[in-house]
PDB file of all heavy atoms in Angstrom:
ATOM      1  N   TYR A   1     -29.999  -4.435  -3.515  1.00  0.00           N
ATOM      2  CA  TYR A   1     -29.629  -4.878  -4.845  1.00  0.00           C
ATOM      3  C   TYR A   1     -28.445  -3.928  -5.329  1.00  0.00           C
ATOM      4  O   TYR A   1     -28.411  -2.807  -4.944  1.00  0.00           O
ATOM      5  CB  TYR A   1     -30.770  -4.833  -5.736  1.00  0.00           C
ATOM      6  CG  TYR A   1     -31.894  -5.849  -5.557  1.00  0.00           C
ATOM      7  CD1 TYR A   1     -32.802  -5.590  -4.541  1.00  0.00           C
ATOM      8  CD2 TYR A   1     -31.892  -7.045  -6.323  1.00  0.00           C
ATOM      9  CE1 TYR A   1     -33.861  -6.582  -4.287  1.00  0.00           C
ATOM     10  CE2 TYR A   1     -32.916  -7.953  -5.985  1.00  0.00           C
ATOM     11  CZ  TYR A   1     -33.873  -7.728  -5.033  1.00  0.00           C
ATOM     12  OH  TYR A   1     -34.863  -8.638  -4.812  1.00  0.00           O
ATOM     13  N   GLY A   2     -27.651  -4.476  -6.268  1.00  0.00           N
ATOM     14  CA  GLY A   2     -26.554  -3.765  -6.834  1.00  0.00           C
ATOM     15  C   GLY A   2     -26.561  -3.857  -8.371  1.00  0.00           C
ATOM     16  O   GLY A   2     -26.939  -4.811  -8.936  1.00  0.00           O
ATOM     17  N   LYS A   3     -26.257  -2.664  -8.974  1.00  0.00           N
ATOM     18  CA  LYS A   3     -26.053  -2.659 -10.411  1.00  0.00           C
ATOM     19  C   LYS A   3     -24.534  -2.331 -10.625  1.00  0.00           C
ATOM     20  O   LYS A   3     -24.099  -1.314 -10.260  1.00  0.00           O
ATOM     21  CB  LYS A   3     -26.914  -1.586 -11.051  1.00  0.00           C
ATOM     22  CG  LYS A   3     -26.855  -1.555 -12.648  1.00  0.00           C
ATOM     23  CD  LYS A   3     -27.825  -0.499 -13.135  1.00  0.00           C
ATOM     24  CE  LYS A   3     -27.900  -0.476 -14.629  1.00  0.00           C
ATOM     25  NZ  LYS A   3     -28.836   0.422 -15.218  1.00  0.00           N
ATOM     26  N   THR A   4     -23.883  -3.305 -11.208  1.00  0.00           N
ATOM     27  CA  THR A   4     -22.410  -3.187 -11.249  1.00  0.00           C
ATOM     28  C   THR A   4     -21.904  -3.374 -12.674  1.00  0.00           C
ATOM     29  O   THR A   4     -22.250  -4.326 -13.356  1.00  0.00           O
ATOM     30  CB  THR A   4     -21.770  -4.364 -10.376  1.00  0.00           C
ATOM     31  OG1 THR A   4     -22.197  -4.099  -9.065  1.00  0.00           O
ATOM     32  CG2 THR A   4     -20.216  -4.230 -10.422  1.00  0.00           C
ATOM     33  N   TRP A   5     -21.011  -2.553 -13.084  1.00  0.00           N
ATOM     34  CA  TRP A   5     -20.270  -2.644 -14.368  1.00  0.00           C
ATOM     35  C   TRP A   5     -18.778  -2.659 -14.139  1.00  0.00           C
ATOM     36  O   TRP A   5     -18.265  -1.823 -13.473  1.00  0.00           O
ATOM     37  CB  TRP A   5     -20.654  -1.469 -15.257  1.00  0.00           C
ATOM     38  CG  TRP A   5     -22.053  -1.490 -15.688  1.00  0.00           C
ATOM     39  CD1 TRP A   5     -23.054  -0.786 -15.163  1.00  0.00           C
ATOM     40  CD2 TRP A   5     -22.749  -2.182 -16.791  1.00  0.00           C
ATOM     41  NE1 TRP A   5     -24.293  -1.022 -15.788  1.00  0.00           N
ATOM     42  CE2 TRP A   5     -24.093  -1.838 -16.755  1.00  0.00           C
ATOM     43  CE3 TRP A   5     -22.206  -3.115 -17.743  1.00  0.00           C
ATOM     44  CZ2 TRP A   5     -25.012  -2.393 -17.680  1.00  0.00           C
ATOM     45  CZ3 TRP A   5     -23.113  -3.676 -18.690  1.00  0.00           C
ATOM     46  CH2 TRP A   5     -24.461  -3.325 -18.566  1.00  0.00           C
ATOM     47  N   HIS A   6     -18.192  -3.742 -14.612  1.00  0.00           N
ATOM     48  CA  HIS A   6     -16.639  -3.761 -14.570  1.00  0.00           C
ATOM     49  C   HIS A   6     -16.167  -3.355 -16.026  1.00  0.00           C
ATOM     50  O   HIS A   6     -16.694  -3.866 -17.000  1.00  0.00           O
ATOM     51  CB  HIS A   6     -16.157  -5.138 -14.214  1.00  0.00           C
ATOM     52  CG  HIS A   6     -16.160  -5.421 -12.764  1.00  0.00           C
ATOM     53  ND1 HIS A   6     -15.118  -4.947 -12.001  1.00  0.00           N
ATOM     54  CD2 HIS A   6     -17.037  -6.029 -11.888  1.00  0.00           C
ATOM     55  CE1 HIS A   6     -15.423  -5.291 -10.613  1.00  0.00           C
ATOM     56  NE2 HIS A   6     -16.491  -5.887 -10.638  1.00  0.00           N
ATOM     57  N   VAL A   7     -15.152  -2.556 -16.016  1.00  0.00           N
ATOM     58  CA  VAL A   7     -14.613  -2.068 -17.258  1.00  0.00           C
ATOM     59  C   VAL A   7     -13.183  -2.409 -17.560  1.00  0.00           C
ATOM     60  O   VAL A   7     -12.565  -2.076 -18.569  1.00  0.00           O
ATOM     61  CB  VAL A   7     -14.842  -0.529 -17.399  1.00  0.00           C
ATOM     62  CG1 VAL A   7     -16.267  -0.125 -17.425  1.00  0.00           C
ATOM     63  CG2 VAL A   7     -14.088   0.200 -16.269  1.00  0.00           C
ATOM     64  N   TRP A   8     -12.574  -3.136 -16.574  1.00  0.00           N
ATOM     65  CA  TRP A   8     -11.061  -3.368 -16.712  1.00  0.00           C
ATOM     66  C   TRP A   8     -10.835  -4.657 -15.996  1.00  0.00           C
ATOM     67  O   TRP A   8     -10.989  -4.889 -14.829  1.00  0.00           O
ATOM     68  CB  TRP A   8     -10.330  -2.255 -16.078  1.00  0.00           C
ATOM     69  CG  TRP A   8      -8.838  -2.262 -16.399  1.00  0.00           C
ATOM     70  CD1 TRP A   8      -8.131  -3.242 -17.074  1.00  0.00           C
ATOM     71  CD2 TRP A   8      -7.825  -1.304 -15.998  1.00  0.00           C
ATOM     72  NE1 TRP A   8      -6.810  -2.964 -17.147  1.00  0.00           N
ATOM     73  CE2 TRP A   8      -6.660  -1.773 -16.447  1.00  0.00           C
ATOM     74  CE3 TRP A   8      -7.906  -0.155 -15.227  1.00  0.00           C
ATOM     75  CZ2 TRP A   8      -5.431  -1.101 -16.277  1.00  0.00           C
ATOM     76  CZ3 TRP A   8      -6.755   0.570 -14.969  1.00  0.00           C
ATOM     77  CH2 TRP A   8      -5.579   0.115 -15.510  1.00  0.00           C
ATOM     78  N   SER A   9     -10.326  -5.661 -16.796  1.00  0.00           N
ATOM     79  CA  SER A   9     -10.003  -7.021 -16.255  1.00  0.00           C
ATOM     80  C   SER A   9      -8.526  -7.082 -15.869  1.00  0.00           C
ATOM     81  O   SER A   9      -7.769  -7.876 -16.444  1.00  0.00           O
ATOM     82  CB  SER A   9     -10.292  -8.148 -17.261  1.00  0.00           C
ATOM     83  OG  SER A   9     -11.710  -8.146 -17.574  1.00  0.00           O
ATOM     84  N   THR A  10      -8.188  -6.414 -14.798  1.00  0.00           N
ATOM     85  CA  THR A  10      -6.810  -6.415 -14.351  1.00  0.00           C
ATOM     86  C   THR A  10      -6.492  -7.800 -13.815  1.00  0.00           C
ATOM     87  O   THR A  10      -5.319  -8.261 -13.844  1.00  0.00           O
ATOM     88  CB  THR A  10      -6.519  -5.360 -13.265  1.00  0.00           C
ATOM     89  OG1 THR A  10      -7.394  -5.594 -12.168  1.00  0.00           O
ATOM     90  CG2 THR A  10      -6.767  -3.901 -13.772  1.00  0.00           C
ATOM     91  N   ASP A  11      -7.498  -8.499 -13.352  1.00  0.00           N
ATOM     92  CA  ASP A  11      -7.320  -9.830 -12.874  1.00  0.00           C
ATOM     93  C   ASP A  11      -6.735 -10.816 -13.971  1.00  0.00           C
ATOM     94  O   ASP A  11      -6.122 -11.772 -13.603  1.00  0.00           O
ATOM     95  CB  ASP A  11      -8.601 -10.397 -12.211  1.00  0.00           C
ATOM     96  CG  ASP A  11      -9.724 -10.507 -13.322  1.00  0.00           C
ATOM     97  OD1 ASP A  11      -9.948  -9.539 -13.980  1.00  0.00           O
ATOM     98  OD2 ASP A  11     -10.229 -11.638 -13.473  1.00  0.00           O
ATOM     99  N   ARG A  12      -6.957 -10.491 -15.190  1.00  0.00           N
ATOM    100  CA  ARG A  12      -6.506 -11.334 -16.210  1.00  0.00           C
ATOM    101  C   ARG A  12      -5.230 -10.768 -16.914  1.00  0.00           C
ATOM    102  O   ARG A  12      -4.831 -11.222 -17.984  1.00  0.00           O
ATOM    103  CB  ARG A  12      -7.616 -11.465 -17.329  1.00  0.00           C
ATOM    104  CG  ARG A  12      -8.728 -12.274 -16.802  1.00  0.00           C
ATOM    105  CD  ARG A  12      -9.773 -12.580 -17.898  1.00  0.00           C
ATOM    106  NE  ARG A  12     -10.691 -13.643 -17.406  1.00  0.00           N
ATOM    107  CZ  ARG A  12     -11.692 -14.130 -18.191  1.00  0.00           C
ATOM    108  NH1 ARG A  12     -11.865 -13.708 -19.471  1.00  0.00           N
ATOM    109  NH2 ARG A  12     -12.518 -15.030 -17.723  1.00  0.00           N
ATOM    110  N   GLY A  13      -4.628  -9.683 -16.232  1.00  0.00           N
ATOM    111  CA  GLY A  13      -3.358  -9.259 -16.757  1.00  0.00           C
ATOM    112  C   GLY A  13      -3.520  -8.071 -17.738  1.00  0.00           C
ATOM    113  O   GLY A  13      -2.447  -7.592 -18.233  1.00  0.00           O
ATOM    114  N   ASP A  14      -4.747  -7.601 -18.020  1.00  0.00           N
ATOM    115  CA  ASP A  14      -4.843  -6.519 -18.989  1.00  0.00           C
ATOM    116  C   ASP A  14      -4.289  -5.248 -18.418  1.00  0.00           C
ATOM    117  O   ASP A  14      -4.630  -4.732 -17.342  1.00  0.00           O
ATOM    118  CB  ASP A  14      -6.373  -6.271 -19.358  1.00  0.00           C
ATOM    119  CG  ASP A  14      -6.993  -7.383 -20.096  1.00  0.00           C
ATOM    120  OD1 ASP A  14      -6.291  -8.304 -20.528  1.00  0.00           O
ATOM    121  OD2 ASP A  14      -8.224  -7.312 -20.253  1.00  0.00           O
ATOM    122  N   ARG A  15      -3.402  -4.602 -19.168  1.00  0.00           N
ATOM    123  CA  ARG A  15      -2.710  -3.406 -18.674  1.00  0.00           C
ATOM    124  C   ARG A  15      -3.429  -2.132 -19.165  1.00  0.00           C
ATOM    125  O   ARG A  15      -3.000  -1.026 -18.806  1.00  0.00           O
ATOM    126  CB  ARG A  15      -1.257  -3.418 -19.137  1.00  0.00           C
ATOM    127  CG  ARG A  15      -0.455  -4.613 -18.473  1.00  0.00           C
ATOM    128  CD  ARG A  15       1.024  -4.498 -18.823  1.00  0.00           C
ATOM    129  NE  ARG A  15       1.676  -3.358 -18.238  1.00  0.00           N
ATOM    130  CZ  ARG A  15       2.900  -2.953 -18.578  1.00  0.00           C
ATOM    131  NH1 ARG A  15       3.577  -3.736 -19.445  1.00  0.00           N
ATOM    132  NH2 ARG A  15       3.426  -1.888 -18.031  1.00  0.00           N
ATOM    133  N   LEU A  16      -4.435  -2.305 -19.889  1.00  0.00           N
ATOM    134  CA  LEU A  16      -5.369  -1.239 -20.192  1.00  0.00           C
ATOM    135  C   LEU A  16      -6.853  -1.752 -20.220  1.00  0.00           C
ATOM    136  O   LEU A  16      -7.023  -2.920 -20.333  1.00  0.00           O
ATOM    137  CB  LEU A  16      -5.052  -0.616 -21.584  1.00  0.00           C
ATOM    138  CG  LEU A  16      -3.754   0.172 -21.731  1.00  0.00           C
ATOM    139  CD1 LEU A  16      -3.494   0.560 -23.227  1.00  0.00           C
ATOM    140  CD2 LEU A  16      -3.805   1.407 -20.851  1.00  0.00           C
ATOM    141  N   PRO A  17      -7.814  -0.826 -20.034  1.00  0.00           N
ATOM    142  CA  PRO A  17      -9.219  -1.328 -20.091  1.00  0.00           C
ATOM    143  C   PRO A  17      -9.677  -1.671 -21.508  1.00  0.00           C
ATOM    144  O   PRO A  17      -9.830  -0.776 -22.350  1.00  0.00           O
ATOM    145  CB  PRO A  17     -10.030  -0.030 -19.591  1.00  0.00           C
ATOM    146  CG  PRO A  17      -8.970   0.819 -18.890  1.00  0.00           C
ATOM    147  CD  PRO A  17      -7.761   0.550 -19.713  1.00  0.00           C
ATOM    148  N   PHE A  18      -9.752  -3.002 -21.793  1.00  0.00           N
ATOM    149  CA  PHE A  18     -10.136  -3.430 -23.142  1.00  0.00           C
ATOM    150  C   PHE A  18     -11.549  -3.866 -23.094  1.00  0.00           C
ATOM    151  O   PHE A  18     -12.165  -4.347 -22.128  1.00  0.00           O
ATOM    152  CB  PHE A  18      -9.272  -4.611 -23.536  1.00  0.00           C
ATOM    153  CG  PHE A  18      -7.719  -4.288 -23.639  1.00  0.00           C
ATOM    154  CD1 PHE A  18      -6.813  -5.139 -23.157  1.00  0.00           C
ATOM    155  CD2 PHE A  18      -7.374  -3.166 -24.361  1.00  0.00           C
ATOM    156  CE1 PHE A  18      -5.499  -4.914 -23.315  1.00  0.00           C
ATOM    157  CE2 PHE A  18      -6.046  -2.894 -24.511  1.00  0.00           C
ATOM    158  CZ  PHE A  18      -5.117  -3.740 -23.943  1.00  0.00           C
ATOM    159  N   GLY A  19     -12.202  -3.765 -24.318  1.00  0.00           N
ATOM    160  CA  GLY A  19     -13.506  -4.369 -24.536  1.00  0.00           C
ATOM    161  C   GLY A  19     -14.680  -3.551 -23.978  1.00  0.00           C
ATOM    162  O   GLY A  19     -14.528  -2.411 -23.452  1.00  0.00           O
ATOM    163  N   GLU A  20     -15.841  -4.191 -24.046  1.00  0.00           N
ATOM    164  CA  GLU A  20     -17.078  -3.533 -23.587  1.00  0.00           C
ATOM    165  C   GLU A  20     -17.190  -3.729 -22.034  1.00  0.00           C
ATOM    166  O   GLU A  20     -16.593  -4.648 -21.469  1.00  0.00           O
ATOM    167  CB  GLU A  20     -18.256  -4.274 -24.233  1.00  0.00           C
ATOM    168  CG  GLU A  20     -18.297  -4.053 -25.809  1.00  0.00           C
ATOM    169  CD  GLU A  20     -19.530  -4.749 -26.417  1.00  0.00           C
ATOM    170  OE1 GLU A  20     -20.323  -5.387 -25.723  1.00  0.00           O
ATOM    171  OE2 GLU A  20     -19.716  -4.576 -27.622  1.00  0.00           O
ATOM    172  N   PRO A  21     -17.990  -2.744 -21.475  1.00  0.00           N
ATOM    173  CA  PRO A  21     -18.311  -2.972 -20.036  1.00  0.00           C
ATOM    174  C   PRO A  21     -18.987  -4.283 -19.816  1.00  0.00           C
ATOM    175  O   PRO A  21     -19.706  -4.732 -20.606  1.00  0.00           O
ATOM    176  CB  PRO A  21     -19.263  -1.837 -19.733  1.00  0.00           C
ATOM    177  CG  PRO A  21     -18.955  -0.768 -20.767  1.00  0.00           C
ATOM    178  CD  PRO A  21     -18.562  -1.606 -22.057  1.00  0.00           C
ATOM    179  N   MET A  22     -18.697  -4.909 -18.670  1.00  0.00           N
ATOM    180  CA  MET A  22     -19.231  -6.206 -18.271  1.00  0.00           C
ATOM    181  C   MET A  22     -20.223  -6.037 -17.143  1.00  0.00           C
ATOM    182  O   MET A  22     -19.822  -5.475 -16.104  1.00  0.00           O
ATOM    183  CB  MET A  22     -18.115  -7.167 -17.950  1.00  0.00           C
ATOM    184  CG  MET A  22     -17.138  -7.434 -19.058  1.00  0.00           C
ATOM    185  SD  MET A  22     -15.654  -8.391 -18.404  1.00  0.00           S
ATOM    186  CE  MET A  22     -14.805  -7.058 -17.415  1.00  0.00           C
ATOM    187  N   LEU A  23     -21.438  -6.479 -17.312  1.00  0.00           N
ATOM    188  CA  LEU A  23     -22.397  -6.500 -16.213  1.00  0.00           C
ATOM    189  C   LEU A  23     -21.951  -7.589 -15.213  1.00  0.00           C
ATOM    190  O   LEU A  23     -21.761  -8.748 -15.644  1.00  0.00           O
ATOM    191  CB  LEU A  23     -23.789  -6.842 -16.748  1.00  0.00           C
ATOM    192  CG  LEU A  23     -24.928  -6.812 -15.678  1.00  0.00           C
ATOM    193  CD1 LEU A  23     -25.079  -5.433 -15.064  1.00  0.00           C
ATOM    194  CD2 LEU A  23     -26.228  -7.331 -16.269  1.00  0.00           C
ATOM    195  N   ALA A  24     -21.847  -7.283 -13.923  1.00  0.00           N
ATOM    196  CA  ALA A  24     -21.379  -8.141 -12.923  1.00  0.00           C
ATOM    197  C   ALA A  24     -22.620  -8.639 -12.179  1.00  0.00           C
ATOM    198  O   ALA A  24     -23.678  -8.038 -12.137  1.00  0.00           O
ATOM    199  CB  ALA A  24     -20.409  -7.591 -12.053  1.00  0.00           C
ATOM    200  N   TRP A  25     -22.452  -9.790 -11.521  1.00  0.00           N
ATOM    201  CA  TRP A  25     -23.514 -10.376 -10.735  1.00  0.00           C
ATOM    202  C   TRP A  25     -23.006 -10.761  -9.312  1.00  0.00           C
ATOM    203  O   TRP A  25     -21.915 -10.236  -8.961  1.00  0.00           O
ATOM    204  CB  TRP A  25     -24.017 -11.665 -11.431  1.00  0.00           C
ATOM    205  CG  TRP A  25     -25.560 -11.890 -11.152  1.00  0.00           C
ATOM    206  CD1 TRP A  25     -26.151 -12.913 -10.438  1.00  0.00           C
ATOM    207  CD2 TRP A  25     -26.594 -11.056 -11.641  1.00  0.00           C
ATOM    208  NE1 TRP A  25     -27.519 -12.773 -10.398  1.00  0.00           N
ATOM    209  CE2 TRP A  25     -27.800 -11.673 -11.094  1.00  0.00           C
ATOM    210  CE3 TRP A  25     -26.690  -9.915 -12.407  1.00  0.00           C
ATOM    211  CZ2 TRP A  25     -29.047 -11.129 -11.346  1.00  0.00           C
ATOM    212  CZ3 TRP A  25     -27.912  -9.374 -12.640  1.00  0.00           C
ATOM    213  CH2 TRP A  25     -29.121  -9.963 -12.203  1.00  0.00           C
ATOM    214  N   SER A  26     -23.723 -11.521  -8.604  1.00  0.00           N
ATOM    215  CA  SER A  26     -23.357 -11.930  -7.203  1.00  0.00           C
ATOM    216  C   SER A  26     -23.335 -13.387  -7.129  1.00  0.00           C
ATOM    217  O   SER A  26     -23.976 -14.145  -7.841  1.00  0.00           O
ATOM    218  CB  SER A  26     -24.321 -11.295  -6.155  1.00  0.00           C
ATOM    219  OG  SER A  26     -25.705 -11.598  -6.523  1.00  0.00           O
ATOM    220  N   PHE A  27     -22.660 -13.927  -6.052  1.00  0.00           N
ATOM    221  CA  PHE A  27     -22.652 -15.292  -5.768  1.00  0.00           C
ATOM    222  C   PHE A  27     -23.833 -15.549  -4.895  1.00  0.00           C
ATOM    223  O   PHE A  27     -24.083 -14.892  -3.856  1.00  0.00           O
ATOM    224  CB  PHE A  27     -21.387 -15.733  -5.075  1.00  0.00           C
ATOM    225  CG  PHE A  27     -20.112 -15.711  -5.876  1.00  0.00           C
ATOM    226  CD1 PHE A  27     -19.091 -15.049  -5.491  1.00  0.00           C
ATOM    227  CD2 PHE A  27     -20.188 -16.288  -7.114  1.00  0.00           C
ATOM    228  CE1 PHE A  27     -17.823 -15.043  -6.249  1.00  0.00           C
ATOM    229  CE2 PHE A  27     -19.028 -16.267  -7.941  1.00  0.00           C
ATOM    230  CZ  PHE A  27     -17.853 -15.673  -7.593  1.00  0.00           C
ATOM    231  N   ASN A  28     -24.623 -16.553  -5.233  1.00  0.00           N
ATOM    232  CA  ASN A  28     -25.905 -16.850  -4.506  1.00  0.00           C
ATOM    233  C   ASN A  28     -26.021 -18.290  -4.023  1.00  0.00           C
ATOM    234  O   ASN A  28     -26.991 -18.691  -3.477  1.00  0.00           O
ATOM    235  CB  ASN A  28     -27.065 -16.503  -5.389  1.00  0.00           C
ATOM    236  CG  ASN A  28     -27.193 -15.008  -5.605  1.00  0.00           C
ATOM    237  OD1 ASN A  28     -27.536 -14.218  -4.638  1.00  0.00           O
ATOM    238  ND2 ASN A  28     -26.818 -14.530  -6.770  1.00  0.00           N
ATOM    239  N   ARG A  29     -24.994 -19.133  -4.281  1.00  0.00           N
ATOM    240  CA  ARG A  29     -24.942 -20.522  -3.853  1.00  0.00           C
ATOM    241  C   ARG A  29     -23.542 -20.770  -3.420  1.00  0.00           C
ATOM    242  O   ARG A  29     -22.572 -20.245  -4.019  1.00  0.00           O
ATOM    243  CB  ARG A  29     -25.401 -21.531  -5.017  1.00  0.00           C
ATOM    244  CG  ARG A  29     -26.830 -21.365  -5.354  1.00  0.00           C
ATOM    245  CD  ARG A  29     -27.187 -22.195  -6.540  1.00  0.00           C
ATOM    246  NE  ARG A  29     -27.022 -23.629  -6.396  1.00  0.00           N
ATOM    247  CZ  ARG A  29     -27.911 -24.365  -5.832  1.00  0.00           C
ATOM    248  NH1 ARG A  29     -29.069 -23.938  -5.486  1.00  0.00           N
ATOM    249  NH2 ARG A  29     -27.665 -25.700  -5.694  1.00  0.00           N
ATOM    250  N   ASP A  30     -23.382 -21.644  -2.425  1.00  0.00           N
ATOM    251  CA  ASP A  30     -22.064 -22.121  -2.039  1.00  0.00           C
ATOM    252  C   ASP A  30     -21.397 -22.858  -3.211  1.00  0.00           C
ATOM    253  O   ASP A  30     -22.052 -23.675  -3.874  1.00  0.00           O
ATOM    254  CB  ASP A  30     -22.141 -23.051  -0.812  1.00  0.00           C
ATOM    255  CG  ASP A  30     -22.397 -22.224   0.448  1.00  0.00           C
ATOM    256  OD1 ASP A  30     -21.944 -21.040   0.622  1.00  0.00           O
ATOM    257  OD2 ASP A  30     -23.014 -22.762   1.403  1.00  0.00           O
ATOM    258  N   GLY A  31     -20.167 -22.700  -3.333  1.00  0.00           N
ATOM    259  CA  GLY A  31     -19.414 -23.331  -4.422  1.00  0.00           C
ATOM    260  C   GLY A  31     -19.271 -22.602  -5.713  1.00  0.00           C
ATOM    261  O   GLY A  31     -18.659 -22.985  -6.678  1.00  0.00           O
ATOM    262  N   GLU A  32     -20.087 -21.433  -5.876  1.00  0.00           N
ATOM    263  CA  GLU A  32     -20.018 -20.716  -7.143  1.00  0.00           C
ATOM    264  C   GLU A  32     -18.663 -19.966  -7.334  1.00  0.00           C
ATOM    265  O   GLU A  32     -18.209 -19.850  -8.435  1.00  0.00           O
ATOM    266  CB  GLU A  32     -21.183 -19.711  -7.262  1.00  0.00           C
ATOM    267  CG  GLU A  32     -22.495 -20.336  -7.394  1.00  0.00           C
ATOM    268  CD  GLU A  32     -23.636 -19.358  -7.569  1.00  0.00           C
ATOM    269  OE1 GLU A  32     -23.443 -18.199  -7.245  1.00  0.00           O
ATOM    270  OE2 GLU A  32     -24.682 -19.775  -8.045  1.00  0.00           O
ATOM    271  N   ALA A  33     -18.056 -19.545  -6.262  1.00  0.00           N
ATOM    272  CA  ALA A  33     -16.794 -18.972  -6.380  1.00  0.00           C
ATOM    273  C   ALA A  33     -15.721 -20.044  -6.711  1.00  0.00           C
ATOM    274  O   ALA A  33     -15.747 -21.084  -6.175  1.00  0.00           O
ATOM    275  CB  ALA A  33     -16.398 -18.271  -4.978  1.00  0.00           C
ATOM    276  N   ARG A  34     -14.791 -19.644  -7.674  1.00  0.00           N
ATOM    277  CA  ARG A  34     -13.882 -20.647  -8.098  1.00  0.00           C
ATOM    278  C   ARG A  34     -12.875 -20.935  -6.842  1.00  0.00           C
ATOM    279  O   ARG A  34     -12.711 -20.107  -5.999  1.00  0.00           O
ATOM    280  CB  ARG A  34     -12.985 -20.115  -9.235  1.00  0.00           C
ATOM    281  CG  ARG A  34     -12.079 -18.969  -8.928  1.00  0.00           C
ATOM    282  CD  ARG A  34     -11.187 -18.647 -10.171  1.00  0.00           C
ATOM    283  NE  ARG A  34     -10.309 -17.511  -9.791  1.00  0.00           N
ATOM    284  CZ  ARG A  34     -10.503 -16.307 -10.061  1.00  0.00           C
ATOM    285  NH1 ARG A  34     -11.611 -15.849 -10.562  1.00  0.00           N
ATOM    286  NH2 ARG A  34      -9.559 -15.435  -9.722  1.00  0.00           N
TER     287      ARG A  34
END
């Protein structure tokens, strides 16, 4: 199991770490990934 926190959404173009930490999860079914 993993406990994951993301703190910077560079994937969305944020050039600084904005907002609260985000608890991340895992993909557990086919098709969940965009």
